[in-house]
C-alpha cells in the first residue's frame, strides 16, 4: 500500500468516489466504514461526533502505515503518536521530533498525512456514499435549536443596524457604509476549543470528543 497521489489529496476532487472511500480502499480498511456508520448513528450505543470519527479514521490510517513500516505499535502508541502529530497542546519541537522518528522508521509521513480526512469528509461519506441518516427526532431537535439561534442572530443584526442608522442620521454617531456581523462564539474551558454556536451544534460537539475517543 502506498499513499494516494496528489490528485486524490482534496476532499472535493471530482469523480465517482469521495476521499474517504478511496483512502479506505487504499489502506485495506473497508470494514471501518461499517463501524463509522454504527458509531455516528448510535447503533452501538452513544453517538460519536463527526470530529471523533475523523480522528478514529485517521488513527486507523496511521496504524496501518506503522504496521507496514514494521513498527508494530503497542496498545496506546498509535493514539499517542497521533496526538503528538495533530494535537493543539503539542510544542513544535516535540512534533518535529516525532516526525523525524517516524520518517527514520520508514514511514512516509507526508503521504500518510495527506490521506487524513476532516469531519466534513466523514459526513459526506456517511450521508452520500453510505446513505446513513440520524433518527428523525434527533435531526428535528438539532434543526430546531439551530433555527432558533439563527433567528435570534438575525434579529440582533436588524435591531443593531436600525439603531446605528437612526443615530447616524441624527448626527450622534459617525459611521460609513456599514454591515452588522453577528457571531455568537462558544468557548469550552475543558479542551480550549472555540466555535461559532451553530457550527458547534452541526459538527456534533467541541474537541473534548476527540480527546476521549
N, C-alpha and C. Protein backbone atom coordinates (compact mmCIF):
# COMPACT_ATOMS: atom_id res chain seq x y z
N UNK A 1 0.84 -1.20 0.00
CA UNK A 1 0.00 0.00 0.00
C UNK A 1 0.88 1.24 0.00
N UNK A 2 0.53 2.19 -0.77
CA UNK A 2 1.20 3.48 -0.78
C UNK A 2 0.15 4.56 -0.64
N UNK A 3 0.61 5.77 -0.28
CA UNK A 3 -0.34 6.86 -0.14
C UNK A 3 -0.95 7.21 -1.48
N UNK A 4 -2.05 7.94 -1.42
CA UNK A 4 -2.74 8.34 -2.63
C UNK A 4 -1.96 9.42 -3.34
N UNK A 5 -2.18 9.55 -4.63
CA UNK A 5 -1.48 10.55 -5.42
C UNK A 5 -1.97 11.94 -5.07
N UNK A 6 -1.20 12.96 -5.52
CA UNK A 6 -1.58 14.35 -5.23
C UNK A 6 -2.96 14.67 -5.75
N UNK A 7 -3.37 14.02 -6.83
CA UNK A 7 -4.68 14.30 -7.42
C UNK A 7 -5.80 13.87 -6.51
N UNK A 8 -5.48 12.99 -5.52
CA UNK A 8 -6.51 12.50 -4.62
C UNK A 8 -6.52 13.23 -3.29
N UNK A 9 -5.65 14.25 -3.13
CA UNK A 9 -5.49 14.86 -1.83
C UNK A 9 -6.69 15.65 -1.38
N UNK A 10 -7.40 16.27 -2.29
CA UNK A 10 -8.52 17.12 -1.89
C UNK A 10 -9.77 16.31 -1.66
N UNK A 11 -10.56 16.73 -0.66
CA UNK A 11 -11.77 16.00 -0.33
C UNK A 11 -12.88 16.30 -1.31
N UNK A 12 -12.69 17.33 -2.14
CA UNK A 12 -13.73 17.71 -3.08
C UNK A 12 -13.34 17.37 -4.50
N UNK A 13 -12.31 16.51 -4.66
CA UNK A 13 -11.86 16.17 -6.01
C UNK A 13 -13.00 15.51 -6.77
N UNK A 14 -13.14 15.85 -8.07
CA UNK A 14 -14.23 15.28 -8.86
C UNK A 14 -14.05 13.79 -9.06
N UNK A 15 -15.14 13.08 -9.31
CA UNK A 15 -15.06 11.65 -9.54
C UNK A 15 -16.18 10.94 -8.84
N UNK A 16 -16.37 9.66 -9.16
CA UNK A 16 -17.49 8.92 -8.59
C UNK A 16 -17.32 8.59 -7.12
N UNK A 17 -16.09 8.63 -6.60
CA UNK A 17 -15.85 8.27 -5.21
C UNK A 17 -15.24 9.43 -4.45
N UNK A 18 -15.58 9.53 -3.18
CA UNK A 18 -15.01 10.58 -2.35
C UNK A 18 -13.70 10.14 -1.74
N UNK A 19 -13.03 11.06 -1.05
CA UNK A 19 -11.72 10.78 -0.49
C UNK A 19 -11.77 9.68 0.55
N UNK A 20 -12.76 9.70 1.42
CA UNK A 20 -12.83 8.68 2.47
C UNK A 20 -12.89 7.28 1.87
N UNK A 21 -13.74 7.11 0.90
CA UNK A 21 -13.87 5.79 0.27
C UNK A 21 -12.56 5.35 -0.38
N UNK A 22 -11.89 6.28 -1.05
CA UNK A 22 -10.64 5.94 -1.73
C UNK A 22 -9.55 5.57 -0.73
N UNK A 23 -9.48 6.30 0.39
CA UNK A 23 -8.46 6.01 1.39
C UNK A 23 -8.74 4.67 2.07
N UNK A 24 -10.01 4.39 2.35
CA UNK A 24 -10.38 3.10 2.94
C UNK A 24 -9.89 1.96 2.06
N UNK A 25 -10.09 2.09 0.77
CA UNK A 25 -9.66 1.04 -0.15
C UNK A 25 -8.14 0.96 -0.24
N UNK A 26 -7.48 2.11 -0.30
CA UNK A 26 -6.03 2.13 -0.44
C UNK A 26 -5.33 1.49 0.75
N UNK A 27 -5.92 1.63 1.94
CA UNK A 27 -5.30 1.10 3.15
C UNK A 27 -5.91 -0.23 3.60
N UNK A 28 -6.81 -0.77 2.80
CA UNK A 28 -7.43 -2.03 3.17
C UNK A 28 -8.30 -1.94 4.40
N UNK A 29 -8.99 -0.83 4.56
CA UNK A 29 -9.79 -0.57 5.77
C UNK A 29 -11.29 -0.52 5.47
N UNK A 30 -11.73 -1.25 4.45
CA UNK A 30 -13.13 -1.17 4.04
C UNK A 30 -14.10 -1.46 5.19
N UNK A 31 -13.73 -2.37 6.07
CA UNK A 31 -14.61 -2.71 7.19
C UNK A 31 -14.82 -1.57 8.17
N UNK A 32 -13.92 -0.59 8.14
CA UNK A 32 -14.05 0.55 9.05
C UNK A 32 -15.27 1.40 8.73
N UNK A 33 -15.71 1.37 7.47
CA UNK A 33 -16.88 2.15 7.08
C UNK A 33 -18.12 1.76 7.86
N UNK A 34 -18.31 0.45 8.07
CA UNK A 34 -19.46 -0.02 8.85
C UNK A 34 -19.39 0.50 10.28
N UNK A 35 -18.19 0.47 10.86
CA UNK A 35 -18.03 0.94 12.23
C UNK A 35 -18.31 2.42 12.35
N UNK A 36 -17.83 3.20 11.39
CA UNK A 36 -18.07 4.64 11.41
C UNK A 36 -19.57 4.93 11.37
N UNK A 37 -20.29 4.20 10.52
CA UNK A 37 -21.73 4.42 10.41
C UNK A 37 -22.44 4.05 11.71
N UNK A 38 -22.07 2.91 12.29
CA UNK A 38 -22.71 2.49 13.55
C UNK A 38 -22.47 3.50 14.66
N UNK A 39 -21.25 4.00 14.74
CA UNK A 39 -20.93 4.95 15.81
C UNK A 39 -21.62 6.30 15.58
N UNK A 40 -21.77 6.71 14.33
CA UNK A 40 -22.41 8.01 14.05
C UNK A 40 -23.91 7.96 14.31
N UNK A 41 -24.54 6.86 13.94
CA UNK A 41 -25.99 6.76 14.11
C UNK A 41 -26.38 6.31 15.51
N UNK A 42 -25.39 5.88 16.31
CA UNK A 42 -25.70 5.43 17.66
C UNK A 42 -26.14 3.98 17.73
N UNK A 43 -25.90 3.20 16.67
CA UNK A 43 -26.32 1.80 16.66
C UNK A 43 -25.54 0.98 17.67
N UNK A 44 -24.36 1.47 18.09
CA UNK A 44 -23.54 0.74 19.06
C UNK A 44 -23.64 1.36 20.45
N UNK A 45 -24.55 2.28 20.64
CA UNK A 45 -24.68 2.95 21.93
C UNK A 45 -24.75 4.45 21.73
N UNK A 46 -23.99 5.19 22.54
CA UNK A 46 -23.97 6.64 22.41
C UNK A 46 -23.36 7.05 21.08
N UNK A 47 -23.90 8.10 20.48
CA UNK A 47 -23.39 8.60 19.21
C UNK A 47 -22.02 9.25 19.39
N UNK A 48 -21.18 9.11 18.37
CA UNK A 48 -19.90 9.82 18.33
C UNK A 48 -20.03 10.99 17.38
N UNK A 49 -19.33 12.06 17.69
CA UNK A 49 -19.35 13.23 16.82
C UNK A 49 -18.54 12.95 15.56
N UNK A 50 -18.77 13.75 14.54
CA UNK A 50 -18.02 13.62 13.30
C UNK A 50 -16.54 13.88 13.52
N UNK A 51 -16.22 14.81 14.41
CA UNK A 51 -14.81 15.08 14.72
C UNK A 51 -14.15 13.85 15.33
N UNK A 52 -14.83 13.19 16.25
CA UNK A 52 -14.30 11.98 16.86
C UNK A 52 -14.11 10.88 15.83
N UNK A 53 -15.06 10.76 14.91
CA UNK A 53 -14.97 9.74 13.88
C UNK A 53 -13.81 10.02 12.92
N UNK A 54 -13.58 11.30 12.61
CA UNK A 54 -12.45 11.64 11.74
C UNK A 54 -11.13 11.28 12.41
N UNK A 55 -11.02 11.55 13.70
CA UNK A 55 -9.81 11.17 14.43
C UNK A 55 -9.65 9.66 14.46
N UNK A 56 -10.74 8.94 14.65
CA UNK A 56 -10.70 7.47 14.66
C UNK A 56 -10.22 6.95 13.30
N UNK A 57 -10.75 7.53 12.24
CA UNK A 57 -10.36 7.16 10.88
C UNK A 57 -8.87 7.42 10.67
N UNK A 58 -8.41 8.60 11.04
CA UNK A 58 -7.01 8.97 10.82
C UNK A 58 -6.06 8.10 11.63
N UNK A 59 -6.47 7.72 12.83
CA UNK A 59 -5.63 6.82 13.63
C UNK A 59 -5.51 5.45 12.98
N UNK A 60 -6.60 4.99 12.35
CA UNK A 60 -6.56 3.71 11.65
C UNK A 60 -5.60 3.77 10.47
N UNK A 61 -5.59 4.89 9.76
CA UNK A 61 -4.65 5.09 8.65
C UNK A 61 -3.22 5.08 9.16
N UNK A 62 -2.98 5.79 10.26
CA UNK A 62 -1.64 5.84 10.85
C UNK A 62 -1.19 4.47 11.32
N UNK A 63 -2.07 3.72 11.95
CA UNK A 63 -1.73 2.38 12.43
C UNK A 63 -1.32 1.48 11.26
N UNK A 64 -2.06 1.54 10.17
CA UNK A 64 -1.74 0.73 9.00
C UNK A 64 -0.36 1.09 8.46
N UNK A 65 -0.07 2.40 8.40
CA UNK A 65 1.23 2.84 7.91
C UNK A 65 2.35 2.36 8.82
N UNK A 66 2.14 2.41 10.13
CA UNK A 66 3.15 1.94 11.08
C UNK A 66 3.36 0.44 10.95
N UNK A 67 2.26 -0.30 10.80
CA UNK A 67 2.37 -1.75 10.63
C UNK A 67 3.17 -2.09 9.38
N UNK A 68 2.89 -1.41 8.30
CA UNK A 68 3.57 -1.71 7.05
C UNK A 68 5.04 -1.32 7.09
N UNK A 69 5.38 -0.36 7.95
CA UNK A 69 6.78 0.02 8.11
C UNK A 69 7.50 -0.89 9.11
N UNK A 70 6.77 -1.88 9.66
CA UNK A 70 7.37 -2.81 10.61
C UNK A 70 7.50 -2.27 12.00
N UNK A 71 6.75 -1.22 12.33
CA UNK A 71 6.88 -0.60 13.65
C UNK A 71 6.19 -1.41 14.74
N UNK A 72 5.15 -2.18 14.40
CA UNK A 72 4.39 -3.00 15.36
C UNK A 72 4.04 -2.19 16.61
N UNK A 73 3.23 -1.16 16.47
CA UNK A 73 2.92 -0.28 17.61
C UNK A 73 2.19 -1.02 18.73
N UNK A 74 2.53 -0.67 19.97
CA UNK A 74 1.89 -1.25 21.14
C UNK A 74 0.55 -0.56 21.39
N UNK A 75 -0.24 -1.13 22.30
CA UNK A 75 -1.52 -0.53 22.66
C UNK A 75 -1.30 0.89 23.17
N UNK A 76 -2.04 1.80 22.64
CA UNK A 76 -1.95 3.19 23.06
C UNK A 76 -0.89 3.99 22.33
N UNK A 77 0.03 3.32 21.63
CA UNK A 77 1.11 4.04 20.95
C UNK A 77 0.59 4.83 19.76
N UNK A 78 -0.34 4.25 19.01
CA UNK A 78 -0.89 4.95 17.85
C UNK A 78 -1.62 6.20 18.30
N UNK A 79 -2.44 6.07 19.36
CA UNK A 79 -3.20 7.21 19.87
C UNK A 79 -2.26 8.33 20.30
N UNK A 80 -1.17 7.97 20.98
CA UNK A 80 -0.24 8.99 21.45
C UNK A 80 0.51 9.63 20.29
N UNK A 81 0.91 8.81 19.32
CA UNK A 81 1.61 9.35 18.16
C UNK A 81 0.72 10.31 17.38
N UNK A 82 -0.54 9.94 17.22
CA UNK A 82 -1.48 10.80 16.50
C UNK A 82 -1.68 12.12 17.26
N UNK A 83 -1.76 12.04 18.58
CA UNK A 83 -1.91 13.26 19.38
C UNK A 83 -0.69 14.16 19.22
N UNK A 84 0.50 13.57 19.19
CA UNK A 84 1.71 14.37 19.02
C UNK A 84 1.77 15.03 17.64
N UNK A 85 1.19 14.36 16.65
CA UNK A 85 1.19 14.91 15.29
C UNK A 85 0.14 15.99 15.10
N UNK A 86 -1.02 15.83 15.74
CA UNK A 86 -2.17 16.69 15.44
C UNK A 86 -2.68 17.51 16.61
N UNK A 87 -2.23 17.22 17.82
CA UNK A 87 -2.77 17.88 19.00
C UNK A 87 -2.40 19.35 19.08
N UNK A 88 -3.33 20.17 19.56
CA UNK A 88 -3.08 21.60 19.70
C UNK A 88 -2.16 21.91 20.88
N UNK A 89 -2.04 20.96 21.81
CA UNK A 89 -1.25 21.19 23.02
C UNK A 89 0.18 20.70 22.89
N UNK A 90 0.60 20.34 21.69
CA UNK A 90 1.95 19.79 21.46
C UNK A 90 2.87 20.89 20.95
N UNK A 91 4.06 20.99 21.53
CA UNK A 91 5.02 22.01 21.11
C UNK A 91 5.58 21.68 19.73
N UNK A 92 5.99 22.70 18.97
CA UNK A 92 6.58 22.46 17.65
C UNK A 92 7.79 21.55 17.71
N UNK A 93 8.61 21.70 18.76
CA UNK A 93 9.79 20.87 18.89
C UNK A 93 9.45 19.40 19.06
N UNK A 94 8.45 19.13 19.90
CA UNK A 94 8.03 17.75 20.13
C UNK A 94 7.43 17.15 18.86
N UNK A 95 6.63 17.96 18.15
CA UNK A 95 6.02 17.46 16.90
C UNK A 95 7.10 17.15 15.86
N UNK A 96 8.10 18.01 15.76
CA UNK A 96 9.20 17.78 14.81
C UNK A 96 9.95 16.51 15.15
N UNK A 97 10.18 16.27 16.43
CA UNK A 97 10.92 15.09 16.86
C UNK A 97 10.18 13.80 16.52
N UNK A 98 8.88 13.77 16.76
CA UNK A 98 8.14 12.54 16.46
C UNK A 98 8.06 12.32 14.95
N UNK A 99 8.01 13.40 14.18
CA UNK A 99 8.02 13.26 12.72
C UNK A 99 9.34 12.65 12.25
N UNK A 100 10.43 13.11 12.82
CA UNK A 100 11.73 12.57 12.44
C UNK A 100 11.84 11.09 12.81
N UNK A 101 11.33 10.74 13.97
CA UNK A 101 11.38 9.34 14.40
C UNK A 101 10.60 8.45 13.44
N UNK A 102 9.43 8.91 13.04
CA UNK A 102 8.61 8.12 12.12
C UNK A 102 9.28 7.98 10.75
N UNK A 103 9.84 9.08 10.28
CA UNK A 103 10.48 9.04 8.97
C UNK A 103 11.72 8.16 8.99
N UNK A 104 12.47 8.19 10.11
CA UNK A 104 13.62 7.29 10.23
C UNK A 104 13.18 5.84 10.27
N UNK A 105 11.96 5.61 10.75
CA UNK A 105 11.44 4.25 10.82
C UNK A 105 10.81 3.77 9.52
N UNK A 106 10.89 4.59 8.48
CA UNK A 106 10.40 4.16 7.18
C UNK A 106 8.98 4.57 6.86
N UNK A 107 8.40 5.46 7.65
CA UNK A 107 7.03 5.92 7.41
C UNK A 107 7.06 7.16 6.52
N UNK A 108 6.38 7.10 5.40
CA UNK A 108 6.25 8.26 4.51
C UNK A 108 5.16 9.16 5.10
N UNK A 109 5.56 9.99 6.05
CA UNK A 109 4.59 10.74 6.83
C UNK A 109 3.82 11.76 5.99
N UNK A 110 4.50 12.39 5.03
CA UNK A 110 3.80 13.35 4.18
C UNK A 110 2.65 12.67 3.44
N UNK A 111 2.90 11.46 2.93
CA UNK A 111 1.87 10.72 2.22
C UNK A 111 0.74 10.31 3.15
N UNK A 112 1.11 9.87 4.36
CA UNK A 112 0.11 9.44 5.33
C UNK A 112 -0.79 10.61 5.74
N UNK A 113 -0.17 11.73 6.05
CA UNK A 113 -0.95 12.89 6.49
C UNK A 113 -1.83 13.44 5.37
N UNK A 114 -1.39 13.27 4.13
CA UNK A 114 -2.23 13.72 3.02
C UNK A 114 -3.48 12.86 2.90
N UNK A 115 -3.46 11.66 3.51
CA UNK A 115 -4.61 10.77 3.48
C UNK A 115 -5.51 10.94 4.70
N UNK A 116 -5.12 11.79 5.65
CA UNK A 116 -6.00 12.11 6.76
C UNK A 116 -7.21 12.89 6.23
N UNK A 117 -8.34 12.76 6.89
CA UNK A 117 -9.55 13.43 6.43
C UNK A 117 -10.14 14.30 7.54
N UNK A 118 -11.02 15.19 7.17
CA UNK A 118 -11.69 16.08 8.10
C UNK A 118 -13.05 15.52 8.47
N UNK A 119 -13.68 16.14 9.47
CA UNK A 119 -15.01 15.68 9.86
C UNK A 119 -16.04 15.96 8.76
N UNK A 120 -15.79 16.99 7.94
CA UNK A 120 -16.71 17.25 6.83
C UNK A 120 -16.67 16.11 5.81
N UNK A 121 -15.46 15.58 5.56
CA UNK A 121 -15.32 14.46 4.62
C UNK A 121 -16.03 13.22 5.15
N UNK A 122 -15.94 12.99 6.45
CA UNK A 122 -16.63 11.85 7.06
C UNK A 122 -18.14 12.01 6.90
N UNK A 123 -18.62 13.22 7.12
CA UNK A 123 -20.06 13.49 6.99
C UNK A 123 -20.53 13.22 5.57
N UNK A 124 -19.77 13.69 4.59
CA UNK A 124 -20.12 13.45 3.19
C UNK A 124 -20.13 11.96 2.87
N UNK A 125 -19.15 11.25 3.37
CA UNK A 125 -19.07 9.81 3.13
C UNK A 125 -20.27 9.08 3.72
N UNK A 126 -20.61 9.40 4.96
CA UNK A 126 -21.71 8.70 5.62
C UNK A 126 -23.05 9.02 4.98
N UNK A 127 -23.26 10.28 4.63
CA UNK A 127 -24.55 10.68 4.08
C UNK A 127 -24.69 10.31 2.60
N UNK A 128 -23.69 10.63 1.80
CA UNK A 128 -23.83 10.48 0.35
C UNK A 128 -23.41 9.10 -0.15
N UNK A 129 -22.36 8.51 0.45
CA UNK A 129 -21.91 7.19 -0.04
C UNK A 129 -22.66 6.05 0.63
N UNK A 130 -22.85 6.15 1.95
CA UNK A 130 -23.50 5.06 2.67
C UNK A 130 -24.98 5.28 2.89
N UNK A 131 -25.46 6.51 2.66
CA UNK A 131 -26.87 6.79 2.85
C UNK A 131 -27.31 6.75 4.30
N UNK A 132 -26.37 6.99 5.23
CA UNK A 132 -26.68 6.94 6.66
C UNK A 132 -27.46 8.19 7.07
N UNK A 133 -28.38 8.01 7.99
CA UNK A 133 -29.18 9.13 8.49
C UNK A 133 -29.35 9.00 9.99
N UNK A 134 -29.50 10.14 10.64
CA UNK A 134 -29.78 10.14 12.07
C UNK A 134 -31.27 9.95 12.28
N UNK A 135 -31.62 9.59 13.51
CA UNK A 135 -33.03 9.44 13.84
C UNK A 135 -33.75 10.77 13.63
N UNK A 136 -34.97 10.69 13.13
CA UNK A 136 -35.74 11.89 12.81
C UNK A 136 -35.89 12.81 14.01
N UNK A 137 -36.10 12.22 15.17
CA UNK A 137 -36.29 13.03 16.39
C UNK A 137 -35.05 13.86 16.68
N UNK A 138 -33.87 13.22 16.52
CA UNK A 138 -32.63 13.93 16.82
C UNK A 138 -32.37 15.03 15.79
N UNK A 139 -32.61 14.73 14.52
CA UNK A 139 -32.43 15.73 13.47
C UNK A 139 -33.34 16.92 13.71
N UNK A 140 -34.59 16.65 14.05
CA UNK A 140 -35.56 17.73 14.31
C UNK A 140 -35.11 18.59 15.48
N UNK A 141 -34.57 17.95 16.51
CA UNK A 141 -34.12 18.70 17.68
C UNK A 141 -32.95 19.62 17.32
N UNK A 142 -32.00 19.10 16.55
CA UNK A 142 -30.86 19.90 16.12
C UNK A 142 -31.31 21.05 15.23
N UNK A 143 -32.16 20.75 14.26
CA UNK A 143 -32.65 21.78 13.37
C UNK A 143 -33.41 22.86 14.12
N UNK A 144 -34.21 22.46 15.10
CA UNK A 144 -35.00 23.43 15.87
C UNK A 144 -34.08 24.40 16.61
N UNK A 145 -33.05 23.87 17.24
CA UNK A 145 -32.16 24.73 18.01
C UNK A 145 -31.33 25.64 17.11
N UNK A 146 -30.83 25.10 16.00
CA UNK A 146 -30.04 25.95 15.09
C UNK A 146 -30.89 27.04 14.46
N UNK A 147 -32.14 26.72 14.13
CA UNK A 147 -33.03 27.73 13.58
C UNK A 147 -33.32 28.83 14.58
N UNK A 148 -33.50 28.44 15.85
CA UNK A 148 -33.74 29.43 16.90
C UNK A 148 -32.56 30.38 17.04
N UNK A 149 -31.34 29.81 17.05
CA UNK A 149 -30.14 30.63 17.19
C UNK A 149 -29.99 31.57 15.99
N UNK A 150 -30.18 31.03 14.79
CA UNK A 150 -30.05 31.87 13.59
C UNK A 150 -31.10 32.99 13.58
N UNK A 151 -32.31 32.66 14.03
CA UNK A 151 -33.37 33.66 14.05
C UNK A 151 -33.02 34.80 15.02
N UNK A 152 -32.51 34.45 16.19
CA UNK A 152 -32.13 35.46 17.17
C UNK A 152 -30.95 36.29 16.68
N UNK A 153 -29.98 35.61 16.01
CA UNK A 153 -28.86 36.36 15.45
C UNK A 153 -29.33 37.35 14.39
N UNK A 154 -30.28 36.92 13.58
CA UNK A 154 -30.83 37.82 12.56
C UNK A 154 -31.54 39.00 13.18
N UNK A 155 -32.27 38.73 14.27
CA UNK A 155 -32.99 39.80 14.96
C UNK A 155 -32.02 40.81 15.56
N UNK A 156 -30.93 40.31 16.15
CA UNK A 156 -29.92 41.20 16.73
C UNK A 156 -29.31 42.07 15.64
N UNK A 157 -29.05 41.49 14.49
CA UNK A 157 -28.46 42.25 13.38
C UNK A 157 -29.39 43.36 12.93
N UNK A 158 -30.69 43.04 12.80
CA UNK A 158 -31.67 44.03 12.36
C UNK A 158 -31.78 45.18 13.36
N UNK A 159 -31.88 44.83 14.65
CA UNK A 159 -32.01 45.85 15.69
C UNK A 159 -30.77 46.74 15.74
N UNK A 160 -29.60 46.13 15.65
CA UNK A 160 -28.34 46.90 15.69
C UNK A 160 -28.23 47.82 14.49
N UNK A 161 -28.55 47.32 13.30
CA UNK A 161 -28.47 48.12 12.09
C UNK A 161 -29.44 49.31 12.16
N UNK A 162 -30.66 49.05 12.62
CA UNK A 162 -31.65 50.12 12.72
C UNK A 162 -31.20 51.20 13.71
N UNK A 163 -30.67 50.75 14.86
CA UNK A 163 -30.22 51.70 15.87
C UNK A 163 -29.07 52.56 15.38
N UNK A 164 -28.09 51.95 14.71
CA UNK A 164 -26.95 52.70 14.19
C UNK A 164 -27.38 53.67 13.10
N UNK A 165 -28.32 53.25 12.29
CA UNK A 165 -28.81 54.12 11.20
C UNK A 165 -29.49 55.36 11.77
N UNK A 166 -30.32 55.16 12.80
CA UNK A 166 -31.00 56.30 13.42
C UNK A 166 -30.00 57.25 14.06
N UNK A 167 -29.02 56.72 14.76
CA UNK A 167 -28.01 57.57 15.41
C UNK A 167 -27.16 58.29 14.39
N UNK A 168 -26.87 57.60 13.28
CA UNK A 168 -26.08 58.23 12.22
C UNK A 168 -26.85 59.36 11.57
N UNK A 169 -28.14 59.15 11.30
CA UNK A 169 -28.97 60.17 10.68
C UNK A 169 -29.13 61.39 11.59
N UNK A 170 -29.12 61.14 12.90
CA UNK A 170 -29.27 62.24 13.86
C UNK A 170 -27.95 62.94 14.13
N UNK A 171 -26.85 62.43 13.60
CA UNK A 171 -25.55 63.05 13.81
C UNK A 171 -24.89 62.65 15.11
N UNK A 172 -25.46 61.68 15.82
CA UNK A 172 -24.88 61.27 17.10
C UNK A 172 -23.69 60.31 16.92
N UNK A 173 -23.68 59.61 15.81
CA UNK A 173 -22.62 58.64 15.52
C UNK A 173 -22.15 58.83 14.09
N UNK A 174 -20.85 58.75 13.90
CA UNK A 174 -20.29 58.83 12.55
C UNK A 174 -19.92 57.43 12.09
N UNK A 175 -20.54 57.00 11.04
CA UNK A 175 -20.26 55.66 10.51
C UNK A 175 -20.49 55.67 9.00
N UNK A 176 -19.60 55.00 8.27
CA UNK A 176 -19.73 54.95 6.82
C UNK A 176 -20.71 53.87 6.39
N UNK A 177 -20.49 53.33 5.20
CA UNK A 177 -21.33 52.25 4.68
C UNK A 177 -21.01 50.99 5.48
N UNK A 178 -21.85 50.61 6.41
CA UNK A 178 -21.50 49.54 7.34
C UNK A 178 -22.35 48.29 7.13
N UNK A 179 -21.87 47.21 7.71
CA UNK A 179 -22.57 45.93 7.72
C UNK A 179 -22.46 45.34 9.12
N UNK A 180 -23.54 44.88 9.66
CA UNK A 180 -23.55 44.30 11.00
C UNK A 180 -23.30 42.80 10.91
N UNK A 181 -22.31 42.34 11.64
CA UNK A 181 -21.97 40.92 11.67
C UNK A 181 -22.28 40.35 13.05
N UNK A 182 -23.12 39.36 13.11
CA UNK A 182 -23.50 38.74 14.38
C UNK A 182 -22.86 37.36 14.45
N UNK A 183 -21.98 37.17 15.40
CA UNK A 183 -21.23 35.92 15.51
C UNK A 183 -21.17 35.50 16.97
N UNK A 184 -21.98 34.52 17.35
CA UNK A 184 -22.00 34.02 18.72
C UNK A 184 -21.00 32.89 18.86
N UNK A 185 -19.99 33.08 19.70
CA UNK A 185 -18.93 32.09 19.88
C UNK A 185 -19.14 31.31 21.18
N UNK A 186 -18.80 30.03 21.13
CA UNK A 186 -18.88 29.17 22.32
C UNK A 186 -17.47 28.68 22.64
N UNK A 187 -17.02 28.96 23.86
CA UNK A 187 -15.68 28.54 24.28
C UNK A 187 -15.78 27.44 25.32
N UNK A 188 -15.08 26.34 25.11
CA UNK A 188 -15.05 25.23 26.07
C UNK A 188 -13.77 25.32 26.88
N UNK A 189 -13.89 25.52 28.17
CA UNK A 189 -12.71 25.65 29.02
C UNK A 189 -12.03 24.32 29.27
N UNK A 190 -12.71 23.20 29.01
CA UNK A 190 -12.11 21.89 29.24
C UNK A 190 -11.07 21.56 28.17
N UNK A 191 -11.41 21.77 26.90
CA UNK A 191 -10.48 21.41 25.81
C UNK A 191 -9.86 22.63 25.15
N UNK A 192 -10.35 23.83 25.50
CA UNK A 192 -9.77 25.05 24.96
C UNK A 192 -10.22 25.39 23.55
N UNK A 193 -11.21 24.68 23.03
CA UNK A 193 -11.67 24.96 21.66
C UNK A 193 -12.74 26.05 21.68
N UNK A 194 -12.88 26.73 20.55
CA UNK A 194 -13.88 27.79 20.40
C UNK A 194 -14.50 27.68 19.03
N UNK A 195 -15.83 27.67 18.98
CA UNK A 195 -16.55 27.53 17.72
C UNK A 195 -17.74 28.47 17.69
N UNK A 196 -18.14 28.84 16.48
CA UNK A 196 -19.39 29.56 16.30
C UNK A 196 -20.51 28.62 16.74
N UNK A 197 -21.54 29.15 17.38
CA UNK A 197 -22.55 28.33 18.04
C UNK A 197 -23.20 27.31 17.12
N UNK A 198 -23.66 27.74 15.95
CA UNK A 198 -24.32 26.82 15.03
C UNK A 198 -23.34 25.79 14.50
N UNK A 199 -22.09 26.21 14.24
CA UNK A 199 -21.07 25.27 13.78
C UNK A 199 -20.84 24.18 14.82
N UNK A 200 -20.80 24.58 16.10
CA UNK A 200 -20.59 23.62 17.18
C UNK A 200 -21.69 22.56 17.20
N UNK A 201 -22.93 23.01 17.01
CA UNK A 201 -24.05 22.07 17.01
C UNK A 201 -23.97 21.15 15.81
N UNK A 202 -23.70 21.70 14.63
CA UNK A 202 -23.71 20.90 13.41
C UNK A 202 -22.56 19.91 13.35
N UNK A 203 -21.43 20.24 13.99
CA UNK A 203 -20.29 19.33 13.95
C UNK A 203 -20.38 18.26 15.04
N UNK A 204 -21.36 18.39 15.93
CA UNK A 204 -21.58 17.35 16.92
C UNK A 204 -20.87 17.53 18.23
N UNK A 205 -20.21 18.66 18.45
CA UNK A 205 -19.55 18.89 19.72
C UNK A 205 -18.21 19.60 19.56
N UNK A 206 -17.55 19.82 20.68
CA UNK A 206 -16.27 20.51 20.67
C UNK A 206 -15.14 19.48 20.57
N UNK A 207 -13.93 19.90 20.90
CA UNK A 207 -12.77 19.00 20.78
C UNK A 207 -12.65 18.01 21.94
N UNK A 208 -13.53 18.11 22.93
CA UNK A 208 -13.50 17.15 24.03
C UNK A 208 -13.74 15.73 23.51
N UNK A 209 -14.55 15.59 22.46
CA UNK A 209 -14.86 14.27 21.90
C UNK A 209 -13.59 13.62 21.39
N UNK A 210 -12.73 14.37 20.69
CA UNK A 210 -11.53 13.78 20.11
C UNK A 210 -10.52 13.42 21.19
N UNK A 211 -10.57 14.11 22.34
CA UNK A 211 -9.64 13.80 23.41
C UNK A 211 -9.96 12.49 24.10
N UNK A 212 -11.23 12.06 24.01
CA UNK A 212 -11.63 10.86 24.72
C UNK A 212 -11.89 9.69 23.80
N UNK A 213 -11.78 9.91 22.47
CA UNK A 213 -12.07 8.84 21.52
C UNK A 213 -11.02 7.77 21.54
